[in-house]
C-alpha atoms as a PDB file:
ATOM      1  CA  MET A   1      -0.322  -0.126   0.032  1.00  0.00           C
ATOM      2  CA  THR A   2       0.826   3.692  -0.577  1.00  0.00           C
ATOM      3  CA  GLU A   3       0.962   6.823   1.387  1.00  0.00           C
ATOM      4  CA  PHE A   4      -1.542   9.357   0.961  1.00  0.00           C
ATOM      5  CA  THR A   5       0.226  12.133  -0.465  1.00  0.00           C
ATOM      6  CA  PRO A   6      -2.510  14.642  -2.142  1.00  0.00           C
ATOM      7  CA  VAL A   7      -0.189  17.369  -2.377  1.00  0.00           C
ATOM      8  CA  ALA A   8       2.542  15.702  -4.636  1.00  0.00           C
ATOM      9  CA  SER A   9      -0.702  14.364  -6.105  1.00  0.00           C
ATOM     10  CA  MET A  10      -1.700  17.391  -6.757  1.00  0.00           C
ATOM     11  CA  LEU A  11       0.860  19.076  -7.894  1.00  0.00           C
ATOM     12  CA  GLY A  12       1.402  16.145 -10.467  1.00  0.00           C
ATOM     13  CA  GLY A  13      -1.531  16.571 -12.314  1.00  0.00           C
ATOM     14  CA  LEU A  14      -1.592  20.118 -12.925  1.00  0.00           C
ATOM     15  CA  LEU A  15       2.348  19.484 -14.014  1.00  0.00           C
ATOM     16  CA  ILE A  16       0.006  16.950 -17.155  1.00  0.00           C
ATOM     17  CA  GLY A  17      -2.220  19.574 -17.137  1.00  0.00           C
ATOM     18  CA  LEU A  18       0.069  22.443 -18.266  1.00  0.00           C
ATOM     19  CA  ALA A  19       2.476  19.708 -20.083  1.00  0.00           C
ATOM     20  CA  ALA A  20      -0.129  19.287 -22.223  1.00  0.00           C
ATOM     21  CA  ALA A  21      -1.812  22.130 -22.495  1.00  0.00           C
ATOM     22  CA  LEU A  22       1.503  23.717 -23.486  1.00  0.00           C
ATOM     23  CA  LEU A  23       2.090  20.912 -26.422  1.00  0.00           C
ATOM     24  CA  LEU A  24      -1.668  21.862 -27.438  1.00  0.00           C
ATOM     25  CA  LEU A  25      -0.854  25.577 -27.618  1.00  0.00           C
ATOM     26  CA  VAL A  26       2.959  25.645 -29.211  1.00  0.00           C
ATOM     27  CA  ASN A  27       2.668  22.404 -31.159  1.00  0.00           C
ATOM     28  CA  GLY A  28      -0.928  22.431 -31.801  1.00  0.00           C
ATOM     29  CA  ARG A  29      -0.677  18.288 -30.609  1.00  0.00           C
ATOM     30  CA  VAL A  30      -2.132  16.488 -28.632  1.00  0.00           C
ATOM     31  CA  ALA A  31      -0.571  15.099 -26.211  1.00  0.00           C
ATOM     32  CA  GLY A  32      -1.338  10.954 -26.469  1.00  0.00           C
ATOM     33  CA  VAL A  33       1.657   9.148 -25.484  1.00  0.00           C
ATOM     34  CA  SER A  34       0.218   5.917 -27.300  1.00  0.00           C
ATOM     35  CA  GLY A  35      -0.028   7.717 -30.765  1.00  0.00           C
ATOM     36  CA  ILE A  36       3.334  10.328 -30.176  1.00  0.00           C
ATOM     37  CA  LEU A  37       5.576   6.982 -29.093  1.00  0.00           C
ATOM     38  CA  GLY A  38       3.985   5.105 -32.849  1.00  0.00           C
ATOM     39  CA  GLN A  39       4.545   7.852 -35.212  1.00  0.00           C
ATOM     40  CA  ALA A  40       8.447   8.357 -33.470  1.00  0.00           C
ATOM     41  CA  LEU A  41       9.156   4.784 -34.283  1.00  0.00           C
ATOM     42  CA  TRP A  42       7.036   4.375 -37.223  1.00  0.00           C
ATOM     43  CA  PRO A  43       6.760   8.139 -39.611  1.00  0.00           C
ATOM     44  CA  SER A  44       3.647   8.689 -41.465  1.00  0.00           C
ATOM     45  CA  ALA A  45       5.157  10.837 -44.331  1.00  0.00           C
ATOM     46  CA  GLY A  46       5.023  14.694 -43.605  1.00  0.00           C
ATOM     47  CA  GLU A  47       5.146  14.029 -39.907  1.00  0.00           C
ATOM     48  CA  GLU A  48       7.839  15.870 -37.790  1.00  0.00           C
ATOM     49  CA  ARG A  49       9.424  13.289 -35.950  1.00  0.00           C
ATOM     50  CA  GLY A  50      11.870  15.304 -34.174  1.00  0.00           C
ATOM     51  CA  TRP A  51       9.794  16.689 -30.914  1.00  0.00           C
ATOM     52  CA  ARG A  52       8.030  12.966 -30.534  1.00  0.00           C
ATOM     53  CA  THR A  53      11.430  10.930 -30.248  1.00  0.00           C
ATOM     54  CA  ALA A  54      12.293  14.593 -27.578  1.00  0.00           C
ATOM     55  CA  PHE A  55       9.019  14.009 -26.085  1.00  0.00           C
ATOM     56  CA  VAL A  56       8.827  10.258 -25.570  1.00  0.00           C
ATOM     57  CA  LEU A  57      12.544  10.679 -24.113  1.00  0.00           C
ATOM     58  CA  GLY A  58      11.742  13.570 -21.946  1.00  0.00           C
ATOM     59  CA  LEU A  59       9.184  10.853 -20.104  1.00  0.00           C
ATOM     60  CA  PRO A  60      11.882   7.962 -18.198  1.00  0.00           C
ATOM     61  CA  LEU A  61      14.492  11.471 -18.237  1.00  0.00           C
ATOM     62  CA  GLY A  62      12.178  13.371 -15.497  1.00  0.00           C
ATOM     63  CA  ALA A  63      11.526  10.436 -13.583  1.00  0.00           C
ATOM     64  CA  SER A  64      14.923   9.840 -13.919  1.00  0.00           C
ATOM     65  CA  ILE A  65      15.394  12.939 -12.620  1.00  0.00           C
ATOM     66  CA  VAL A  66      13.062  13.026  -9.206  1.00  0.00           C
ATOM     67  CA  ALA A  67      14.823   9.654  -8.588  1.00  0.00           C
ATOM     68  CA  TYR A  68      18.172  11.452  -8.739  1.00  0.00           C
ATOM     69  CA  LEU A  69      16.225  14.624  -6.577  1.00  0.00           C
ATOM     70  CA  ASN A  70      15.037  12.211  -3.921  1.00  0.00           C
ATOM     71  CA  GLY A  71      15.646   9.137  -4.211  1.00  0.00           C
ATOM     72  CA  PRO A  72      14.903   5.969  -6.180  1.00  0.00           C
ATOM     73  CA  LEU A  73      11.026   4.648  -6.251  1.00  0.00           C
ATOM     74  CA  ILE A  74      11.439   1.480  -5.005  1.00  0.00           C
ATOM     75  CA  VAL A  75       8.075  -0.674  -6.703  1.00  0.00           C
ATOM     76  CA  GLU A  76       7.465  -4.263  -5.845  1.00  0.00           C
ATOM     77  CA  ILE A  77       5.094  -6.058  -8.644  1.00  0.00           C
ATOM     78  CA  GLU A  78       3.682  -9.699  -7.157  1.00  0.00           C
ATOM     79  CA  THR A  79       3.317 -11.460 -10.506  1.00  0.00           C
ATOM     80  CA  ARG A  80       4.143 -13.351 -12.515  1.00  0.00           C
ATOM     81  CA  PRO A  81       6.796 -12.142 -15.572  1.00  0.00           C
ATOM     82  CA  THR A  82       4.248 -13.884 -18.407  1.00  0.00           C
ATOM     83  CA  MET A  83       1.273 -11.803 -16.626  1.00  0.00           C
ATOM     84  CA  LEU A  84       3.168  -8.532 -17.048  1.00  0.00           C
ATOM     85  CA  ILE A  85       3.600  -9.538 -20.888  1.00  0.00           C
ATOM     86  CA  VAL A  86       0.210 -10.176 -21.459  1.00  0.00           C
ATOM     87  CA  ALA A  87      -0.944  -7.853 -19.918  1.00  0.00           C
ATOM     88  CA  GLY A  88       0.862  -5.271 -21.481  1.00  0.00           C
ATOM     89  CA  LEU A  89      -0.198  -6.249 -25.248  1.00  0.00           C
ATOM     90  CA  LEU A  90      -3.966  -6.559 -24.265  1.00  0.00           C
ATOM     91  CA  VAL A  91      -2.646  -3.019 -23.316  1.00  0.00           C
ATOM     92  CA  GLY A  92      -1.241  -2.552 -27.214  1.00  0.00           C
ATOM     93  CA  PHE A  93      -4.711  -4.294 -28.389  1.00  0.00           C
ATOM     94  CA  GLY A  94      -7.122  -1.819 -26.130  1.00  0.00           C
ATOM     95  CA  THR A  95      -4.914   1.598 -27.194  1.00  0.00           C
ATOM     96  CA  ARG A  96      -5.048   0.358 -30.878  1.00  0.00           C
ATOM     97  CA  LEU A  97      -8.654  -0.574 -30.299  1.00  0.00           C
ATOM     98  CA  GLY A  98      -9.032   3.118 -28.677  1.00  0.00           C
ATOM     99  CA  ASN A  99      -7.608   4.859 -31.246  1.00  0.00           C
ATOM    100  CA  GLY A 100      -5.796   5.756 -28.317  1.00  0.00           C
ATOM    101  CA  CYS A 101      -4.463   5.901 -24.471  1.00  0.00           C
ATOM    102  CA  THR A 102      -6.313   6.925 -21.685  1.00  0.00           C
ATOM    103  CA  SER A 103      -3.499   9.997 -21.961  1.00  0.00           C
ATOM    104  CA  GLY A 104      -5.191  10.995 -24.849  1.00  0.00           C
ATOM    105  CA  HIS A 105      -8.544  10.335 -24.009  1.00  0.00           C
ATOM    106  CA  GLY A 106      -8.931  10.724 -20.558  1.00  0.00           C
ATOM    107  CA  VAL A 107      -6.411  14.406 -20.277  1.00  0.00           C
ATOM    108  CA  CYS A 108      -6.438  16.279 -23.772  1.00  0.00           C
ATOM    109  CA  GLY A 109      -9.884  14.825 -24.793  1.00  0.00           C
ATOM    110  CA  MET A 110     -12.190  14.658 -22.457  1.00  0.00           C
ATOM    111  CA  SER A 111     -10.828  18.388 -20.919  1.00  0.00           C
ATOM    112  CA  ARG A 112     -11.791  19.603 -24.982  1.00  0.00           C
ATOM    113  CA  GLY A 113     -14.923  18.171 -24.549  1.00  0.00           C
ATOM    114  CA  ALA A 114     -14.476  15.088 -27.247  1.00  0.00           C
ATOM    115  CA  ALA A 115     -17.791  12.614 -26.755  1.00  0.00           C
ATOM    116  CA  ARG A 116     -15.188   9.804 -28.564  1.00  0.00           C
ATOM    117  CA  SER A 117     -12.904   9.966 -25.323  1.00  0.00           C
ATOM    118  CA  ILE A 118     -14.970  10.794 -22.915  1.00  0.00           C
ATOM    119  CA  ALA A 119     -16.827   7.339 -24.226  1.00  0.00           C
ATOM    120  CA  ALA A 120     -13.421   5.671 -24.801  1.00  0.00           C
ATOM    121  CA  THR A 121     -12.624   6.855 -21.009  1.00  0.00           C
ATOM    122  CA  SER A 122     -15.239   5.693 -19.553  1.00  0.00           C
ATOM    123  CA  THR A 123     -15.044   2.560 -20.846  1.00  0.00           C
ATOM    124  CA  PHE A 124     -10.810   2.207 -19.260  1.00  0.00           C
ATOM    125  CA  MET A 125     -12.095   2.759 -16.183  1.00  0.00           C
ATOM    126  CA  ALA A 126     -14.944   0.414 -16.080  1.00  0.00           C
ATOM    127  CA  VAL A 127     -12.558  -2.009 -17.476  1.00  0.00           C
ATOM    128  CA  ALA A 128     -10.541  -1.285 -14.939  1.00  0.00           C
ATOM    129  CA  VAL A 129     -13.101  -2.005 -12.234  1.00  0.00           C
ATOM    130  CA  VAL A 130     -14.020  -4.733 -13.678  1.00  0.00           C
ATOM    131  CA  THR A 131     -10.511  -6.600 -13.503  1.00  0.00           C
ATOM    132  CA  VAL A 132      -9.492  -5.153 -10.136  1.00  0.00           C
ATOM    133  CA  PHE A 133     -12.354  -7.093  -8.636  1.00  0.00           C
ATOM    134  CA  LEU A 134     -11.719  -9.938 -10.620  1.00  0.00           C
ATOM    135  CA  VAL A 135      -8.322  -9.830  -9.651  1.00  0.00           C
ATOM    136  CA  ARG A 136      -9.003  -9.431  -6.373  1.00  0.00           C
ATOM    137  CA  HIS A 137     -12.443 -11.046  -5.424  1.00  0.00           C
ATOM    138  CA  VAL A 138     -12.871 -13.524  -7.775  1.00  0.00           C
ATOM    139  CA  PHE A 139      -9.529 -14.861  -8.860  1.00  0.00           C
ATOM    140  CA  GLY A 140      -7.759 -14.649  -5.092  1.00  0.00           C
ATOM    141  CA  GLY A 141      -5.637 -12.212  -6.490  1.00  0.00           C
ATOM    142  CA  MET A 142      -3.286 -15.328  -7.941  1.00  0.00           C
ATOM    143  CA  ALA A 143      -1.743 -12.542 -10.704  1.00  0.00           C
END
């Protein structure tokens, strides 16, 4: 279990919102990480690769800076590696199926009032609730 940190959580949320707003205002682009990563790896004709690569590299770089300043974040994962691989593949499939990820739909799309993003985020959250219930209560936390 993690400790309750409302101030840090609020500041983190504000920074995510600020970054998404700046990317939209400066570049006219939505901060959907899966789309940015996909276009950085396999750009379409006429797509800029530079800012996308910088954005993707900035994600772990920012975490590294925080770890350097505050000490490393210790994460304990109590599951089998095969479950992580299956979960990652399902997330990737869902991202393609939903035409975007939670950052694109949840942070950017919902803030713009996009009906498609509201539907997608509602679906993400409903599936997450059902998944947690099944893993914890039906399957007894055997993941």
